[in-house]
């Protein structure tokens, strides 16, 4: 498709560079976008899952290794305090990785795994989060990051090129795969983003 299509559309400068290098052609850059949602004032779903509004870190992702949720869980488990971690998402197909992630998360009562959610439940977890974290090792241009920003959430993301392309302040990035740095930045933002 990259070589023989009449036109190629890409969602980031990084992917445009890949098409240029691998396929020896230019592409049309059209960034991902998201609507500006009306934040939810409801909390019934949060009550159902045992979450406290404004007292949790949120991650929204498929349960696959490249999303880095294993690093997020390990960093979170090293943190002091009574904040919760909500991971919204599931695996397309159950794998050893997704089973292991759920098992590790199940070792802490402060970690809530919602499974795949959409609609009002997803609106509520975005609307009432204290901090959004995306620890991915690979992305195109992450829609979940754009969604979090559309809710006005403070965010913390890995320093991969796709996340850097969003152009956040430097303090909103951490070194991908560095659990200590992730823990330090989460702690800092939870204290700072009051």
N, C-alpha and C. Protein backbone atom coordinates (compact mmCIF):
# COMPACT_ATOMS: atom_id res chain seq x y z
N UNK A 1 0.80 -1.19 0.00
CA UNK A 1 0.00 0.00 0.00
C UNK A 1 0.85 1.26 0.00
N UNK A 2 1.96 1.23 0.74
CA UNK A 2 2.82 2.40 0.80
C UNK A 2 3.48 2.72 -0.52
N UNK A 3 3.70 1.71 -1.35
CA UNK A 3 4.38 1.93 -2.63
C UNK A 3 3.44 2.12 -3.81
N UNK A 4 2.32 1.40 -3.80
CA UNK A 4 1.51 1.35 -5.02
C UNK A 4 0.19 2.11 -4.95
N UNK A 5 -0.20 2.60 -3.77
CA UNK A 5 -1.44 3.39 -3.67
C UNK A 5 -1.28 4.70 -4.43
N UNK A 6 -2.40 5.22 -4.94
CA UNK A 6 -2.37 6.51 -5.63
C UNK A 6 -1.90 7.61 -4.68
N UNK A 7 -2.39 7.57 -3.46
CA UNK A 7 -2.00 8.52 -2.42
C UNK A 7 -1.88 7.77 -1.10
N UNK A 8 -1.02 8.25 -0.23
CA UNK A 8 -0.84 7.65 1.09
C UNK A 8 -1.12 8.72 2.13
N UNK A 9 -1.96 8.39 3.10
CA UNK A 9 -2.26 9.28 4.21
C UNK A 9 -1.59 8.72 5.46
N UNK A 10 -0.93 9.58 6.22
CA UNK A 10 -0.29 9.18 7.47
C UNK A 10 -0.80 10.09 8.59
N UNK A 11 -0.64 9.64 9.84
CA UNK A 11 -1.18 10.40 10.98
C UNK A 11 -0.10 11.10 11.80
N UNK A 12 1.17 10.96 11.41
CA UNK A 12 2.23 11.63 12.16
C UNK A 12 3.45 11.84 11.28
N UNK A 13 4.29 12.78 11.69
CA UNK A 13 5.56 13.02 10.98
C UNK A 13 6.43 11.77 11.01
N UNK A 14 6.39 11.05 12.15
CA UNK A 14 7.19 9.83 12.26
C UNK A 14 6.82 8.80 11.21
N UNK A 15 5.53 8.59 11.00
CA UNK A 15 5.09 7.62 9.98
C UNK A 15 5.40 8.15 8.58
N UNK A 16 5.30 9.47 8.39
CA UNK A 16 5.67 10.06 7.09
C UNK A 16 7.14 9.75 6.79
N UNK A 17 7.99 9.83 7.81
CA UNK A 17 9.41 9.51 7.62
C UNK A 17 9.62 8.05 7.26
N UNK A 18 8.84 7.17 7.87
CA UNK A 18 8.95 5.73 7.55
C UNK A 18 8.55 5.49 6.09
N UNK A 19 7.46 6.10 5.66
CA UNK A 19 7.00 5.94 4.27
C UNK A 19 8.05 6.49 3.30
N UNK A 20 8.63 7.62 3.67
CA UNK A 20 9.67 8.23 2.83
C UNK A 20 10.88 7.30 2.71
N UNK A 21 11.29 6.71 3.84
CA UNK A 21 12.48 5.85 3.85
C UNK A 21 12.22 4.51 3.19
N UNK A 22 11.13 3.86 3.56
CA UNK A 22 10.86 2.50 3.06
C UNK A 22 10.27 2.46 1.66
N UNK A 23 9.43 3.44 1.35
CA UNK A 23 8.69 3.39 0.09
C UNK A 23 9.16 4.42 -0.92
N UNK A 24 10.07 5.31 -0.50
CA UNK A 24 10.65 6.32 -1.38
C UNK A 24 9.59 7.21 -2.03
N UNK A 25 8.66 7.68 -1.19
CA UNK A 25 7.64 8.59 -1.69
C UNK A 25 7.13 9.47 -0.57
N UNK A 26 6.47 10.53 -0.96
CA UNK A 26 5.88 11.45 0.01
C UNK A 26 4.46 10.98 0.36
N UNK A 27 3.98 11.46 1.46
CA UNK A 27 2.63 11.11 1.92
C UNK A 27 1.89 12.38 2.33
N UNK A 28 0.62 12.21 2.61
CA UNK A 28 -0.23 13.33 3.05
C UNK A 28 -0.47 13.18 4.55
N UNK A 29 -0.03 14.18 5.30
CA UNK A 29 -0.15 14.14 6.75
C UNK A 29 -1.50 14.72 7.18
N UNK A 30 -2.31 13.89 7.84
CA UNK A 30 -3.57 14.33 8.44
C UNK A 30 -3.56 13.81 9.87
N UNK A 31 -3.39 14.71 10.82
CA UNK A 31 -3.32 14.30 12.22
C UNK A 31 -4.65 13.72 12.70
N UNK A 32 -4.56 12.78 13.66
CA UNK A 32 -5.76 12.31 14.34
C UNK A 32 -6.38 13.49 15.07
N UNK A 33 -7.67 13.40 15.29
CA UNK A 33 -8.37 14.42 16.07
C UNK A 33 -9.46 13.76 16.89
N UNK A 34 -9.92 14.43 17.89
CA UNK A 34 -11.01 13.92 18.73
C UNK A 34 -11.99 15.07 19.00
N UNK A 35 -13.26 14.73 19.23
CA UNK A 35 -14.22 15.80 19.59
C UNK A 35 -13.98 16.27 21.02
N UNK A 36 -14.43 17.47 21.30
CA UNK A 36 -14.36 17.97 22.68
C UNK A 36 -15.62 17.48 23.40
N UNK A 37 -15.45 16.55 24.33
CA UNK A 37 -16.62 15.94 24.98
C UNK A 37 -17.17 16.81 26.11
N UNK A 38 -18.44 16.67 26.38
CA UNK A 38 -18.94 17.30 27.60
C UNK A 38 -18.55 16.42 28.79
N UNK A 39 -17.75 16.91 29.72
CA UNK A 39 -17.36 16.08 30.87
C UNK A 39 -18.59 15.62 31.64
N UNK A 40 -18.50 14.44 32.20
CA UNK A 40 -19.60 13.87 32.96
C UNK A 40 -19.58 14.40 34.39
N UNK A 41 -20.75 14.71 34.89
CA UNK A 41 -20.90 15.08 36.31
C UNK A 41 -21.36 13.87 37.11
N UNK A 42 -21.70 12.80 36.42
CA UNK A 42 -22.17 11.59 37.09
C UNK A 42 -20.99 10.79 37.63
N UNK A 43 -21.24 10.01 38.66
CA UNK A 43 -20.19 9.16 39.25
C UNK A 43 -20.69 7.76 39.57
N UNK A 44 -21.86 7.38 39.04
CA UNK A 44 -22.41 6.07 39.37
C UNK A 44 -21.52 4.92 38.92
N UNK A 45 -20.86 5.07 37.76
CA UNK A 45 -19.95 4.01 37.31
C UNK A 45 -18.74 3.93 38.24
N UNK A 46 -18.21 5.08 38.65
CA UNK A 46 -17.07 5.08 39.56
C UNK A 46 -17.44 4.41 40.88
N UNK A 47 -18.64 4.69 41.37
CA UNK A 47 -19.12 4.04 42.60
C UNK A 47 -19.18 2.53 42.40
N UNK A 48 -19.68 2.11 41.24
CA UNK A 48 -19.81 0.69 40.92
C UNK A 48 -18.47 -0.04 40.97
N UNK A 49 -17.41 0.61 40.48
CA UNK A 49 -16.09 -0.04 40.44
C UNK A 49 -15.24 0.27 41.67
N UNK A 50 -15.75 1.09 42.57
CA UNK A 50 -15.03 1.40 43.81
C UNK A 50 -13.96 2.46 43.65
N UNK A 51 -14.14 3.38 42.70
CA UNK A 51 -13.16 4.45 42.46
C UNK A 51 -13.62 5.75 43.11
N UNK A 52 -12.64 6.52 43.57
CA UNK A 52 -12.93 7.81 44.20
C UNK A 52 -12.63 8.94 43.21
N UNK A 53 -13.63 9.74 42.86
CA UNK A 53 -13.39 10.85 41.92
C UNK A 53 -12.22 11.73 42.37
N UNK A 54 -11.36 12.06 41.41
CA UNK A 54 -10.22 12.92 41.68
C UNK A 54 -9.09 12.27 42.45
N UNK A 55 -9.20 10.97 42.72
CA UNK A 55 -8.19 10.29 43.54
C UNK A 55 -7.58 9.10 42.80
N UNK A 56 -7.56 9.16 41.45
CA UNK A 56 -6.98 8.03 40.72
C UNK A 56 -6.20 8.50 39.49
N UNK A 57 -5.25 7.66 39.15
CA UNK A 57 -4.48 7.78 37.91
C UNK A 57 -5.20 6.92 36.89
N UNK A 58 -5.30 7.39 35.66
CA UNK A 58 -6.01 6.66 34.61
C UNK A 58 -5.08 6.29 33.47
N UNK A 59 -5.20 5.04 33.01
CA UNK A 59 -4.57 4.60 31.77
C UNK A 59 -5.66 3.94 30.94
N UNK A 60 -5.67 4.21 29.63
CA UNK A 60 -6.63 3.61 28.71
C UNK A 60 -5.82 2.97 27.60
N UNK A 61 -5.91 1.63 27.50
CA UNK A 61 -5.07 0.94 26.52
C UNK A 61 -5.48 -0.52 26.35
N UNK A 62 -5.08 -1.08 25.23
CA UNK A 62 -5.18 -2.53 25.06
C UNK A 62 -4.12 -3.18 25.94
N UNK A 63 -4.39 -4.38 26.41
CA UNK A 63 -3.45 -5.08 27.29
C UNK A 63 -2.45 -5.85 26.44
N UNK A 64 -1.52 -5.11 25.85
CA UNK A 64 -0.45 -5.68 25.02
C UNK A 64 0.87 -5.08 25.48
N UNK A 65 1.98 -5.80 25.32
CA UNK A 65 3.27 -5.33 25.88
C UNK A 65 3.68 -3.93 25.45
N UNK A 66 3.45 -3.55 24.19
CA UNK A 66 3.94 -2.25 23.72
C UNK A 66 3.25 -1.06 24.38
N UNK A 67 2.15 -1.29 25.08
CA UNK A 67 1.49 -0.18 25.78
C UNK A 67 2.15 0.13 27.12
N UNK A 68 3.04 -0.75 27.61
CA UNK A 68 3.84 -0.45 28.80
C UNK A 68 3.08 -0.47 30.12
N UNK A 69 1.92 -1.10 30.15
CA UNK A 69 1.13 -1.11 31.39
C UNK A 69 1.83 -1.85 32.52
N UNK A 70 2.69 -2.82 32.18
CA UNK A 70 3.46 -3.52 33.20
C UNK A 70 4.38 -2.54 33.94
N UNK A 71 4.98 -1.60 33.21
CA UNK A 71 5.82 -0.57 33.86
C UNK A 71 4.98 0.34 34.74
N UNK A 72 3.80 0.70 34.26
CA UNK A 72 2.91 1.57 35.04
C UNK A 72 2.50 0.90 36.35
N UNK A 73 2.13 -0.36 36.27
CA UNK A 73 1.73 -1.08 37.49
C UNK A 73 2.90 -1.15 38.48
N UNK A 74 4.09 -1.49 37.99
CA UNK A 74 5.24 -1.59 38.90
C UNK A 74 5.57 -0.25 39.52
N UNK A 75 5.53 0.83 38.73
CA UNK A 75 5.82 2.16 39.28
C UNK A 75 4.75 2.55 40.30
N UNK A 76 3.50 2.27 39.99
CA UNK A 76 2.41 2.61 40.90
C UNK A 76 2.54 1.86 42.22
N UNK A 77 2.89 0.58 42.16
CA UNK A 77 3.01 -0.22 43.38
C UNK A 77 4.13 0.27 44.29
N UNK A 78 5.08 1.01 43.75
CA UNK A 78 6.17 1.56 44.55
C UNK A 78 5.83 2.91 45.17
N UNK A 79 4.67 3.47 44.80
CA UNK A 79 4.29 4.79 45.30
C UNK A 79 3.57 4.68 46.65
N UNK A 80 3.80 5.70 47.47
CA UNK A 80 3.07 5.81 48.73
C UNK A 80 1.77 6.56 48.47
N UNK A 81 0.87 6.48 49.42
CA UNK A 81 -0.37 7.26 49.33
C UNK A 81 -1.58 6.38 49.07
N UNK A 82 -2.72 7.05 48.98
CA UNK A 82 -3.97 6.31 48.83
C UNK A 82 -4.61 6.49 47.46
N UNK A 83 -3.85 6.99 46.49
CA UNK A 83 -4.38 7.10 45.14
C UNK A 83 -4.66 5.70 44.58
N UNK A 84 -5.59 5.66 43.64
CA UNK A 84 -5.90 4.42 42.94
C UNK A 84 -5.35 4.52 41.51
N UNK A 85 -5.26 3.37 40.86
CA UNK A 85 -4.90 3.29 39.45
C UNK A 85 -6.03 2.57 38.74
N UNK A 86 -6.61 3.23 37.74
CA UNK A 86 -7.64 2.60 36.91
C UNK A 86 -7.03 2.33 35.54
N UNK A 87 -7.11 1.08 35.11
CA UNK A 87 -6.69 0.71 33.76
C UNK A 87 -7.94 0.30 33.02
N UNK A 88 -8.32 1.12 32.03
CA UNK A 88 -9.50 0.84 31.21
C UNK A 88 -9.03 0.24 29.90
N UNK A 89 -9.48 -0.97 29.62
CA UNK A 89 -9.10 -1.64 28.38
C UNK A 89 -8.94 -3.13 28.61
N UNK A 90 -8.76 -3.85 27.54
CA UNK A 90 -8.61 -5.29 27.62
C UNK A 90 -7.79 -5.75 26.43
N UNK A 91 -7.52 -7.03 26.37
CA UNK A 91 -6.81 -7.61 25.22
C UNK A 91 -7.84 -8.02 24.17
N UNK A 92 -7.48 -7.88 22.90
CA UNK A 92 -8.36 -8.37 21.83
C UNK A 92 -8.56 -9.88 21.97
N UNK A 93 -7.46 -10.56 22.32
CA UNK A 93 -7.48 -12.00 22.57
C UNK A 93 -6.63 -12.24 23.81
N UNK A 94 -7.12 -13.07 24.72
CA UNK A 94 -6.39 -13.37 25.95
C UNK A 94 -5.02 -13.95 25.62
N UNK A 95 -3.99 -13.45 26.29
CA UNK A 95 -2.61 -13.91 26.08
C UNK A 95 -1.96 -14.13 27.43
N UNK A 96 -0.78 -14.75 27.42
CA UNK A 96 -0.02 -14.88 28.67
C UNK A 96 0.26 -13.51 29.28
N UNK A 97 0.56 -12.53 28.40
CA UNK A 97 0.83 -11.18 28.90
C UNK A 97 -0.39 -10.59 29.58
N UNK A 98 -1.54 -10.64 28.93
CA UNK A 98 -2.74 -10.02 29.51
C UNK A 98 -3.16 -10.73 30.80
N UNK A 99 -3.02 -12.04 30.83
CA UNK A 99 -3.33 -12.79 32.06
C UNK A 99 -2.37 -12.39 33.18
N UNK A 100 -1.08 -12.28 32.87
CA UNK A 100 -0.08 -11.89 33.87
C UNK A 100 -0.31 -10.47 34.38
N UNK A 101 -0.70 -9.58 33.48
CA UNK A 101 -0.96 -8.19 33.86
C UNK A 101 -2.15 -8.14 34.83
N UNK A 102 -3.20 -8.86 34.52
CA UNK A 102 -4.38 -8.89 35.40
C UNK A 102 -4.04 -9.51 36.75
N UNK A 103 -3.22 -10.54 36.73
CA UNK A 103 -2.83 -11.19 37.99
C UNK A 103 -2.01 -10.23 38.85
N UNK A 104 -1.05 -9.52 38.23
CA UNK A 104 -0.21 -8.57 38.98
C UNK A 104 -1.07 -7.43 39.52
N UNK A 105 -1.97 -6.93 38.71
CA UNK A 105 -2.86 -5.85 39.16
C UNK A 105 -3.74 -6.31 40.30
N UNK A 106 -4.16 -7.57 40.26
CA UNK A 106 -5.03 -8.12 41.28
C UNK A 106 -4.38 -8.25 42.65
N UNK A 107 -3.06 -8.04 42.71
CA UNK A 107 -2.34 -8.13 43.98
C UNK A 107 -2.48 -6.85 44.81
N UNK A 108 -3.11 -5.83 44.25
CA UNK A 108 -3.31 -4.58 45.00
C UNK A 108 -4.78 -4.17 44.91
N UNK A 109 -5.36 -3.87 46.05
CA UNK A 109 -6.75 -3.41 46.08
C UNK A 109 -6.87 -1.99 45.53
N UNK A 110 -5.73 -1.30 45.33
CA UNK A 110 -5.76 0.07 44.80
C UNK A 110 -5.76 0.11 43.28
N UNK A 111 -5.63 -1.06 42.63
CA UNK A 111 -5.64 -1.10 41.16
C UNK A 111 -6.97 -1.66 40.70
N UNK A 112 -7.62 -0.93 39.82
CA UNK A 112 -8.93 -1.32 39.28
C UNK A 112 -8.77 -1.52 37.78
N UNK A 113 -9.09 -2.72 37.31
CA UNK A 113 -9.08 -2.99 35.87
C UNK A 113 -10.53 -3.11 35.43
N UNK A 114 -10.95 -2.20 34.56
CA UNK A 114 -12.36 -2.14 34.17
C UNK A 114 -12.71 -3.09 33.05
N UNK A 115 -11.70 -3.56 32.30
CA UNK A 115 -12.00 -4.23 31.04
C UNK A 115 -12.34 -3.16 30.00
N UNK A 116 -12.83 -3.60 28.85
CA UNK A 116 -13.17 -2.67 27.77
C UNK A 116 -14.44 -1.90 28.14
N UNK A 117 -14.36 -0.58 28.13
CA UNK A 117 -15.53 0.26 28.39
C UNK A 117 -15.65 1.34 27.33
N UNK A 118 -16.86 1.84 27.16
CA UNK A 118 -17.12 2.92 26.21
C UNK A 118 -18.30 3.72 26.74
N UNK A 119 -18.70 4.74 26.02
CA UNK A 119 -19.88 5.52 26.40
C UNK A 119 -19.71 6.22 27.74
N UNK A 120 -20.79 6.24 28.52
CA UNK A 120 -20.79 6.96 29.80
C UNK A 120 -19.76 6.44 30.79
N UNK A 121 -19.54 5.11 30.92
CA UNK A 121 -18.48 4.67 31.84
C UNK A 121 -17.11 5.25 31.47
N UNK A 122 -16.76 5.25 30.19
CA UNK A 122 -15.48 5.83 29.76
C UNK A 122 -15.47 7.33 30.00
N UNK A 123 -16.58 8.00 29.71
CA UNK A 123 -16.69 9.43 29.95
C UNK A 123 -16.44 9.73 31.43
N UNK A 124 -17.00 8.92 32.32
CA UNK A 124 -16.80 9.15 33.75
C UNK A 124 -15.36 8.95 34.19
N UNK A 125 -14.70 7.89 33.71
CA UNK A 125 -13.31 7.69 34.16
C UNK A 125 -12.39 8.78 33.65
N UNK A 126 -12.64 9.29 32.45
CA UNK A 126 -11.86 10.44 31.96
C UNK A 126 -12.20 11.70 32.76
N UNK A 127 -13.48 11.94 32.98
CA UNK A 127 -13.93 13.19 33.59
C UNK A 127 -13.43 13.40 35.01
N UNK A 128 -13.23 12.32 35.75
CA UNK A 128 -12.92 12.45 37.17
C UNK A 128 -11.51 11.99 37.55
N UNK A 129 -10.65 11.75 36.55
CA UNK A 129 -9.27 11.31 36.82
C UNK A 129 -8.45 12.48 37.35
N UNK A 130 -7.44 12.15 38.12
CA UNK A 130 -6.50 13.15 38.63
C UNK A 130 -5.32 13.33 37.67
N UNK A 131 -4.91 12.21 37.02
CA UNK A 131 -3.76 12.23 36.12
C UNK A 131 -3.94 11.11 35.11
N UNK A 132 -3.64 11.39 33.85
CA UNK A 132 -3.67 10.38 32.80
C UNK A 132 -2.24 9.99 32.47
N UNK A 133 -1.97 8.68 32.37
CA UNK A 133 -0.61 8.20 32.07
C UNK A 133 -0.66 7.28 30.86
N UNK A 134 0.27 7.50 29.92
CA UNK A 134 0.42 6.65 28.73
C UNK A 134 1.89 6.22 28.65
N UNK A 135 2.21 4.99 29.11
CA UNK A 135 3.61 4.55 29.16
C UNK A 135 4.07 3.77 27.93
N UNK A 136 3.44 3.97 26.79
CA UNK A 136 3.69 3.16 25.59
C UNK A 136 5.13 3.21 25.10
N UNK A 137 5.54 2.09 24.49
CA UNK A 137 6.83 2.02 23.81
C UNK A 137 6.66 2.26 22.31
N UNK A 138 5.43 2.16 21.81
CA UNK A 138 5.18 2.37 20.38
C UNK A 138 3.77 2.91 20.18
N UNK A 139 3.64 3.94 19.37
CA UNK A 139 2.36 4.53 19.00
C UNK A 139 2.48 5.10 17.59
N UNK A 140 1.33 5.34 16.96
CA UNK A 140 1.29 6.11 15.72
C UNK A 140 1.13 7.57 16.11
N UNK A 141 -0.07 7.96 16.48
CA UNK A 141 -0.37 9.21 17.16
C UNK A 141 -1.52 8.85 18.08
N UNK A 142 -1.27 8.76 19.39
CA UNK A 142 -2.22 8.13 20.32
C UNK A 142 -3.53 8.91 20.53
N UNK A 143 -4.61 8.33 20.08
CA UNK A 143 -5.92 8.94 20.26
C UNK A 143 -6.27 9.06 21.74
N UNK A 144 -5.87 8.06 22.55
CA UNK A 144 -6.20 8.15 23.99
C UNK A 144 -5.54 9.37 24.64
N UNK A 145 -4.36 9.74 24.18
CA UNK A 145 -3.71 10.94 24.71
C UNK A 145 -4.51 12.18 24.29
N UNK A 146 -4.93 12.22 23.04
CA UNK A 146 -5.74 13.35 22.57
C UNK A 146 -7.06 13.41 23.34
N UNK A 147 -7.64 12.24 23.60
CA UNK A 147 -8.88 12.21 24.39
C UNK A 147 -8.65 12.77 25.79
N UNK A 148 -7.58 12.34 26.44
CA UNK A 148 -7.28 12.84 27.79
C UNK A 148 -7.10 14.35 27.77
N UNK A 149 -6.40 14.87 26.78
CA UNK A 149 -6.22 16.31 26.67
C UNK A 149 -7.54 17.02 26.40
N UNK A 150 -8.44 16.37 25.64
CA UNK A 150 -9.73 16.98 25.34
C UNK A 150 -10.58 17.14 26.60
N UNK A 151 -10.31 16.33 27.62
CA UNK A 151 -10.99 16.45 28.91
C UNK A 151 -10.27 17.43 29.84
N UNK A 152 -9.16 17.99 29.38
CA UNK A 152 -8.40 18.93 30.19
C UNK A 152 -7.58 18.26 31.28
N UNK A 153 -7.30 16.97 31.12
CA UNK A 153 -6.55 16.23 32.14
C UNK A 153 -5.07 16.56 32.11
N UNK A 154 -4.44 16.62 33.27
CA UNK A 154 -2.98 16.62 33.30
C UNK A 154 -2.51 15.25 32.80
N UNK A 155 -1.47 15.23 31.99
CA UNK A 155 -1.01 13.97 31.40
C UNK A 155 0.47 13.76 31.67
N UNK A 156 0.86 12.49 31.62
CA UNK A 156 2.25 12.08 31.73
C UNK A 156 2.44 10.95 30.74
N UNK A 157 3.39 11.09 29.81
CA UNK A 157 3.55 10.12 28.74
C UNK A 157 5.02 9.77 28.51
N UNK A 158 5.24 8.59 27.94
CA UNK A 158 6.60 8.18 27.60
C UNK A 158 7.16 9.10 26.52
N UNK A 159 8.48 9.15 26.46
CA UNK A 159 9.15 10.10 25.56
C UNK A 159 9.39 9.55 24.16
N UNK A 160 8.51 8.68 23.68
CA UNK A 160 8.65 8.14 22.32
C UNK A 160 8.30 9.22 21.30
N UNK A 161 8.80 9.09 20.05
CA UNK A 161 8.56 10.14 19.04
C UNK A 161 7.10 10.51 18.83
N UNK A 162 6.19 9.53 18.80
CA UNK A 162 4.78 9.85 18.56
C UNK A 162 4.20 10.71 19.68
N UNK A 163 4.59 10.46 20.92
CA UNK A 163 4.12 11.28 22.03
C UNK A 163 4.79 12.65 22.02
N UNK A 164 6.05 12.70 21.63
CA UNK A 164 6.77 13.97 21.55
C UNK A 164 6.15 14.88 20.50
N UNK A 165 5.59 14.28 19.46
CA UNK A 165 5.00 15.06 18.38
C UNK A 165 3.81 15.90 18.86
N UNK A 166 3.21 15.52 19.97
CA UNK A 166 2.09 16.28 20.53
C UNK A 166 2.58 17.61 21.10
N UNK A 167 3.84 17.68 21.49
CA UNK A 167 4.43 18.95 21.92
C UNK A 167 4.07 19.39 23.33
N UNK A 168 4.09 18.46 24.25
CA UNK A 168 3.80 18.77 25.65
C UNK A 168 5.03 19.41 26.31
N UNK A 169 4.84 20.09 27.44
CA UNK A 169 6.00 20.58 28.19
C UNK A 169 6.89 19.40 28.62
N UNK A 170 8.17 19.64 28.74
CA UNK A 170 9.14 18.57 29.03
C UNK A 170 8.80 17.78 30.29
N UNK A 171 8.25 18.43 31.29
CA UNK A 171 7.92 17.74 32.54
C UNK A 171 6.80 16.71 32.37
N UNK A 172 6.13 16.73 31.23
CA UNK A 172 5.04 15.79 30.97
C UNK A 172 5.53 14.50 30.30
N UNK A 173 6.85 14.38 30.12
CA UNK A 173 7.44 13.18 29.52
C UNK A 173 8.32 12.47 30.54
N UNK A 174 8.45 11.16 30.39
CA UNK A 174 9.41 10.38 31.16
C UNK A 174 10.08 9.40 30.21
N UNK A 175 11.27 8.95 30.57
CA UNK A 175 12.02 8.02 29.72
C UNK A 175 11.28 6.70 29.62
N UNK A 176 10.98 6.31 28.40
CA UNK A 176 10.23 5.08 28.15
C UNK A 176 10.92 3.87 28.79
N UNK A 177 10.16 3.10 29.56
CA UNK A 177 10.69 1.90 30.20
C UNK A 177 11.39 2.13 31.52
N UNK A 178 11.54 3.38 31.93
CA UNK A 178 12.24 3.71 33.18
C UNK A 178 11.22 3.80 34.32
N UNK A 179 11.07 2.72 35.07
CA UNK A 179 10.06 2.64 36.12
C UNK A 179 10.31 3.68 37.22
N UNK A 180 11.58 3.88 37.58
CA UNK A 180 11.90 4.87 38.62
C UNK A 180 11.51 6.28 38.17
N UNK A 181 11.78 6.60 36.91
CA UNK A 181 11.42 7.93 36.39
C UNK A 181 9.92 8.09 36.32
N UNK A 182 9.22 7.03 35.94
CA UNK A 182 7.75 7.07 35.88
C UNK A 182 7.18 7.32 37.27
N UNK A 183 7.68 6.59 38.26
CA UNK A 183 7.22 6.77 39.64
C UNK A 183 7.47 8.19 40.11
N UNK A 184 8.67 8.71 39.86
CA UNK A 184 9.04 10.05 40.30
C UNK A 184 8.14 11.11 39.66
N UNK A 185 7.90 10.98 38.35
CA UNK A 185 7.06 11.96 37.66
C UNK A 185 5.59 11.86 38.07
N UNK A 186 5.09 10.64 38.28
CA UNK A 186 3.71 10.51 38.75
C UNK A 186 3.55 11.17 40.11
N UNK A 187 4.48 10.90 41.01
CA UNK A 187 4.44 11.49 42.35
C UNK A 187 4.48 13.01 42.27
N UNK A 188 5.36 13.53 41.44
CA UNK A 188 5.49 14.98 41.28
C UNK A 188 4.20 15.59 40.76
N UNK A 189 3.60 14.98 39.74
CA UNK A 189 2.38 15.56 39.15
C UNK A 189 1.17 15.43 40.06
N UNK A 190 1.10 14.36 40.83
CA UNK A 190 -0.02 14.23 41.77
C UNK A 190 0.05 15.32 42.83
N UNK A 191 1.26 15.69 43.23
CA UNK A 191 1.42 16.74 44.23
C UNK A 191 1.24 18.13 43.61
N UNK A 192 1.67 18.29 42.36
CA UNK A 192 1.69 19.59 41.72
C UNK A 192 0.34 19.96 41.10
N UNK A 193 -0.35 19.01 40.52
CA UNK A 193 -1.57 19.31 39.75
C UNK A 193 -2.81 19.38 40.63
N UNK A 194 -2.69 20.08 41.73
CA UNK A 194 -3.84 20.22 42.63
C UNK A 194 -4.83 21.24 42.11
